[in-house]
Amino acid sequence: MTLTPHLTHMLLIGVVGVLSAWQIPLDVRRRVLSRRATGSATFAVLVVMVVDLSVTRQIERARMAFIWSLAVGGLYLSLNRVSPKSLGFGDVLLVVPLTLAVSYVAGEYVLMWQLLAAGSAATHGLVVRVTRGMSLIPFGPHLLGAAWLVLVFSL
């Protein structure tokens, strides 16, 4: 089986879409993310990458995806350690497959993805604070939605 860059991109959009369909309702309702779903998505992203690499041999692209994943994951882990109530460990785990997917197909948009997620979460948090007096919102939906948008619009 040979993967074209377009097919690889579409498969990763699909993985993020399925993960979003599972995780967003869970995080909104219960403020928890499924580690099993996140682990399965990480495995699926890695499989797509390995199959693509077996055809394209673009090792540098994969290397950069792993570097981005370590950097973003490390940043989120640090934030979780400083303030676990503000950023849960489920969010730390969630950024791994999302960073791999985004950076593998569009490494130049990783920062844009993070800005979209943070900006939409900040807006959501402000609206919820003003209208309901609540101070915490689920961050997973913002990470997932922003990753999906970046993947779709970078196609």
C-alpha atoms as a PDB file:
ATOM      1  CA  MET A   1       0.000   0.000   0.000  1.00  0.00           C
ATOM      2  CA  THR A   2       1.416   3.362  -0.945  1.00  0.00           C
ATOM      3  CA  LEU A   3       0.262   6.526   0.706  1.00  0.00           C
ATOM      4  CA  THR A   4       0.255   9.788  -1.107  1.00  0.00           C
ATOM      5  CA  PRO A   5       0.811  12.933   0.960  1.00  0.00           C
ATOM      6  CA  HIS A   6      -2.863  13.742   0.406  1.00  0.00           C
ATOM      7  CA  LEU A   7      -4.005  10.325   1.691  1.00  0.00           C
ATOM      8  CA  THR A   8      -1.706  10.560   4.717  1.00  0.00           C
ATOM      9  CA  HIS A   9      -3.147  13.984   5.481  1.00  0.00           C
ATOM     10  CA  MET A  10      -6.730  12.711   5.131  1.00  0.00           C
ATOM     11  CA  LEU A  11      -6.045   9.719   7.391  1.00  0.00           C
ATOM     12  CA  LEU A  12      -4.633  11.989  10.105  1.00  0.00           C
ATOM     13  CA  ILE A  13      -7.656  14.304   9.782  1.00  0.00           C
ATOM     14  CA  GLY A  14      -9.796  11.193  10.260  1.00  0.00           C
ATOM     15  CA  VAL A  15      -7.889  10.073  13.355  1.00  0.00           C
ATOM     16  CA  VAL A  16      -8.251  13.529  14.930  1.00  0.00           C
ATOM     17  CA  GLY A  17     -11.930  13.627  13.918  1.00  0.00           C
ATOM     18  CA  VAL A  18     -12.700  10.267  15.531  1.00  0.00           C
ATOM     19  CA  LEU A  19     -10.730  11.229  18.640  1.00  0.00           C
ATOM     20  CA  SER A  20     -12.670  14.510  18.801  1.00  0.00           C
ATOM     21  CA  ALA A  21     -16.022  12.740  18.496  1.00  0.00           C
ATOM     22  CA  TRP A  22     -15.082  10.553  21.474  1.00  0.00           C
ATOM     23  CA  GLN A  23     -13.250  13.016  23.705  1.00  0.00           C
ATOM     24  CA  ILE A  24     -15.133  16.304  23.325  1.00  0.00           C
ATOM     25  CA  PRO A  25     -18.476  15.123  24.774  1.00  0.00           C
ATOM     26  CA  LEU A  26     -16.633  13.280  27.545  1.00  0.00           C
ATOM     27  CA  ASP A  27     -14.558  16.317  28.514  1.00  0.00           C
ATOM     28  CA  VAL A  28     -17.509  18.712  28.330  1.00  0.00           C
ATOM     29  CA  ARG A  29     -19.788  16.531  30.456  1.00  0.00           C
ATOM     30  CA  ARG A  30     -17.394  14.972  32.947  1.00  0.00           C
ATOM     31  CA  ARG A  31     -14.182  17.062  32.738  1.00  0.00           C
ATOM     32  CA  VAL A  32     -12.174  13.931  31.982  1.00  0.00           C
ATOM     33  CA  LEU A  33     -10.431  12.554  28.899  1.00  0.00           C
ATOM     34  CA  SER A  34     -10.205   8.857  28.060  1.00  0.00           C
ATOM     35  CA  ARG A  35      -6.607   7.676  28.264  1.00  0.00           C
ATOM     36  CA  ARG A  36      -7.521   4.602  26.232  1.00  0.00           C
ATOM     37  CA  ALA A  37      -8.896   6.754  23.386  1.00  0.00           C
ATOM     38  CA  THR A  38      -5.837   9.010  23.496  1.00  0.00           C
ATOM     39  CA  GLY A  39      -3.499   6.004  23.497  1.00  0.00           C
ATOM     40  CA  SER A  40      -5.372   4.437  20.582  1.00  0.00           C
ATOM     41  CA  ALA A  41      -5.145   7.697  18.646  1.00  0.00           C
ATOM     42  CA  THR A  42      -1.419   7.919  19.350  1.00  0.00           C
ATOM     43  CA  PHE A  43      -1.006   4.377  18.019  1.00  0.00           C
ATOM     44  CA  ALA A  44      -3.095   5.189  14.923  1.00  0.00           C
ATOM     45  CA  VAL A  45      -1.064   8.330  14.175  1.00  0.00           C
ATOM     46  CA  LEU A  46       2.177   6.368  14.562  1.00  0.00           C
ATOM     47  CA  VAL A  47       0.914   3.638  12.208  1.00  0.00           C
ATOM     48  CA  VAL A  48       0.004   6.230   9.561  1.00  0.00           C
ATOM     49  CA  MET A  49       3.422   7.836   9.973  1.00  0.00           C
ATOM     50  CA  VAL A  50       5.309   4.523   9.713  1.00  0.00           C
ATOM     51  CA  VAL A  51       3.411   3.432   6.603  1.00  0.00           C
ATOM     52  CA  ASP A  52       3.950   6.854   5.026  1.00  0.00           C
ATOM     53  CA  LEU A  53       7.653   6.769   5.944  1.00  0.00           C
ATOM     54  CA  SER A  54       8.061   3.324   4.398  1.00  0.00           C
ATOM     55  CA  VAL A  55       7.000   4.869   1.100  1.00  0.00           C
ATOM     56  CA  THR A  56       8.264   8.456   1.211  1.00  0.00           C
ATOM     57  CA  ARG A  57      11.440   7.955   3.273  1.00  0.00           C
ATOM     58  CA  GLN A  58      11.017  11.495   4.644  1.00  0.00           C
ATOM     59  CA  ILE A  59      12.794  10.776   7.910  1.00  0.00           C
ATOM     60  CA  GLU A  60      13.441  14.456   8.621  1.00  0.00           C
ATOM     61  CA  ARG A  61       9.716  15.176   8.668  1.00  0.00           C
ATOM     62  CA  ALA A  62       9.152  12.391  11.203  1.00  0.00           C
ATOM     63  CA  ARG A  63      12.118  13.534  13.293  1.00  0.00           C
ATOM     64  CA  MET A  64      10.702  17.054  13.450  1.00  0.00           C
ATOM     65  CA  ALA A  65       7.276  15.679  14.401  1.00  0.00           C
ATOM     66  CA  PHE A  66       8.832  13.824  17.349  1.00  0.00           C
ATOM     67  CA  ILE A  67      10.800  16.916  18.393  1.00  0.00           C
ATOM     68  CA  TRP A  68       7.633  19.035  18.277  1.00  0.00           C
ATOM     69  CA  SER A  69       5.769  16.363  20.222  1.00  0.00           C
ATOM     70  CA  LEU A  70       8.433  16.271  22.934  1.00  0.00           C
ATOM     71  CA  ALA A  71       8.553  20.078  23.133  1.00  0.00           C
ATOM     72  CA  VAL A  72       4.787  20.605  23.317  1.00  0.00           C
ATOM     73  CA  GLY A  73       4.270  17.576  25.573  1.00  0.00           C
ATOM     74  CA  GLY A  74       7.075  18.750  27.861  1.00  0.00           C
ATOM     75  CA  LEU A  75       5.588  22.239  28.068  1.00  0.00           C
ATOM     76  CA  TYR A  76       2.165  20.850  28.929  1.00  0.00           C
ATOM     77  CA  LEU A  77       3.645  18.485  31.503  1.00  0.00           C
ATOM     78  CA  SER A  78       5.436  21.427  33.123  1.00  0.00           C
ATOM     79  CA  LEU A  79       2.207  23.436  33.210  1.00  0.00           C
ATOM     80  CA  ASN A  80       0.393  20.450  34.696  1.00  0.00           C
ATOM     81  CA  ARG A  81       3.007  20.130  37.440  1.00  0.00           C
ATOM     82  CA  VAL A  82       2.746  23.837  38.286  1.00  0.00           C
ATOM     83  CA  SER A  83      -1.069  23.918  38.284  1.00  0.00           C
ATOM     84  CA  PRO A  84      -2.781  20.528  37.957  1.00  0.00           C
ATOM     85  CA  LYS A  85      -6.213  22.084  38.526  1.00  0.00           C
ATOM     86  CA  SER A  86      -5.732  24.404  35.560  1.00  0.00           C
ATOM     87  CA  LEU A  87      -4.391  21.809  33.118  1.00  0.00           C
ATOM     88  CA  GLY A  88      -5.167  18.167  33.686  1.00  0.00           C
ATOM     89  CA  PHE A  89      -2.922  15.224  32.882  1.00  0.00           C
ATOM     90  CA  GLY A  90      -5.436  14.090  30.261  1.00  0.00           C
ATOM     91  CA  ASP A  91      -4.651  17.281  28.333  1.00  0.00           C
ATOM     92  CA  VAL A  92      -0.930  16.502  28.614  1.00  0.00           C
ATOM     93  CA  LEU A  93      -1.520  13.069  27.095  1.00  0.00           C
ATOM     94  CA  LEU A  94      -3.897  14.465  24.464  1.00  0.00           C
ATOM     95  CA  VAL A  95      -1.311  16.829  22.974  1.00  0.00           C
ATOM     96  CA  VAL A  96       0.960  13.908  22.023  1.00  0.00           C
ATOM     97  CA  PRO A  97      -1.079  12.455  19.130  1.00  0.00           C
ATOM     98  CA  LEU A  98      -2.329  15.901  18.146  1.00  0.00           C
ATOM     99  CA  THR A  99       1.184  17.339  17.962  1.00  0.00           C
ATOM    100  CA  LEU A 100       2.425  14.313  16.024  1.00  0.00           C
ATOM    101  CA  ALA A 101      -0.418  14.636  13.504  1.00  0.00           C
ATOM    102  CA  VAL A 102      -0.212  18.412  13.063  1.00  0.00           C
ATOM    103  CA  SER A 103       3.561  18.574  12.908  1.00  0.00           C
ATOM    104  CA  TYR A 104       3.895  15.579  10.574  1.00  0.00           C
ATOM    105  CA  VAL A 105       1.753  17.145   7.870  1.00  0.00           C
ATOM    106  CA  ALA A 106       2.158  20.844   8.633  1.00  0.00           C
ATOM    107  CA  GLY A 107       5.002  21.490  11.063  1.00  0.00           C
ATOM    108  CA  GLU A 108       4.905  25.183  10.266  1.00  0.00           C
ATOM    109  CA  TYR A 109       1.411  25.377  11.812  1.00  0.00           C
ATOM    110  CA  VAL A 110       2.096  23.885  15.259  1.00  0.00           C
ATOM    111  CA  LEU A 111       2.317  27.324  16.863  1.00  0.00           C
ATOM    112  CA  MET A 112      -0.833  28.456  15.048  1.00  0.00           C
ATOM    113  CA  TRP A 113      -2.629  25.384  16.404  1.00  0.00           C
ATOM    114  CA  GLN A 114      -1.544  26.257  19.934  1.00  0.00           C
ATOM    115  CA  LEU A 115      -2.588  29.896  19.503  1.00  0.00           C
ATOM    116  CA  LEU A 116      -6.003  28.856  18.166  1.00  0.00           C
ATOM    117  CA  ALA A 117      -6.532  26.449  21.067  1.00  0.00           C
ATOM    118  CA  ALA A 118      -5.408  28.982  23.679  1.00  0.00           C
ATOM    119  CA  GLY A 119      -7.355  31.835  22.097  1.00  0.00           C
ATOM    120  CA  SER A 120     -10.597  29.890  21.809  1.00  0.00           C
ATOM    121  CA  ALA A 121     -10.192  28.577  25.370  1.00  0.00           C
ATOM    122  CA  ALA A 122      -9.509  32.078  26.710  1.00  0.00           C
ATOM    123  CA  THR A 123     -12.604  33.421  24.948  1.00  0.00           C
ATOM    124  CA  HIS A 124     -14.696  30.501  26.186  1.00  0.00           C
ATOM    125  CA  GLY A 125     -13.356  30.945  29.719  1.00  0.00           C
ATOM    126  CA  LEU A 126     -14.144  34.654  29.721  1.00  0.00           C
ATOM    127  CA  VAL A 127     -17.681  34.104  28.457  1.00  0.00           C
ATOM    128  CA  VAL A 128     -18.338  31.355  31.017  1.00  0.00           C
ATOM    129  CA  ARG A 129     -16.910  33.457  33.844  1.00  0.00           C
ATOM    130  CA  VAL A 130     -19.033  36.488  32.937  1.00  0.00           C
ATOM    131  CA  THR A 131     -22.254  34.606  32.229  1.00  0.00           C
ATOM    132  CA  ARG A 132     -22.106  31.794  34.806  1.00  0.00           C
ATOM    133  CA  GLY A 133     -19.428  32.799  37.300  1.00  0.00           C
ATOM    134  CA  MET A 134     -17.474  29.599  36.621  1.00  0.00           C
ATOM    135  CA  SER A 135     -13.695  29.676  36.496  1.00  0.00           C
ATOM    136  CA  LEU A 136     -12.763  26.328  34.911  1.00  0.00           C
ATOM    137  CA  ILE A 137     -13.486  25.062  31.410  1.00  0.00           C
ATOM    138  CA  PRO A 138     -12.460  21.864  29.634  1.00  0.00           C
ATOM    139  CA  PHE A 139      -9.393  22.493  27.454  1.00  0.00           C
ATOM    140  CA  GLY A 140      -9.505  19.243  25.461  1.00  0.00           C
ATOM    141  CA  PRO A 141     -12.224  20.422  23.060  1.00  0.00           C
ATOM    142  CA  HIS A 142     -10.140  23.483  22.201  1.00  0.00           C
ATOM    143  CA  LEU A 143      -7.023  21.406  21.546  1.00  0.00           C
ATOM    144  CA  LEU A 144      -8.967  18.956  19.402  1.00  0.00           C
ATOM    145  CA  GLY A 145     -10.974  21.545  17.482  1.00  0.00           C
ATOM    146  CA  ALA A 146      -7.957  23.702  16.737  1.00  0.00           C
ATOM    147  CA  ALA A 147      -5.886  20.673  15.614  1.00  0.00           C
ATOM    148  CA  TRP A 148      -8.670  19.506  13.326  1.00  0.00           C
ATOM    149  CA  LEU A 149      -9.076  22.987  11.820  1.00  0.00           C
ATOM    150  CA  VAL A 150      -5.349  23.364  11.212  1.00  0.00           C
ATOM    151  CA  LEU A 151      -5.189  19.937   9.568  1.00  0.00           C
ATOM    152  CA  VAL A 152      -8.204  20.638   7.353  1.00  0.00           C
ATOM    153  CA  PHE A 153      -7.088  24.102   6.289  1.00  0.00           C
ATOM    154  CA  SER A 154      -3.515  22.973   5.637  1.00  0.00           C
ATOM    155  CA  LEU A 155      -4.733  20.330   3.188  1.00  0.00           C
END
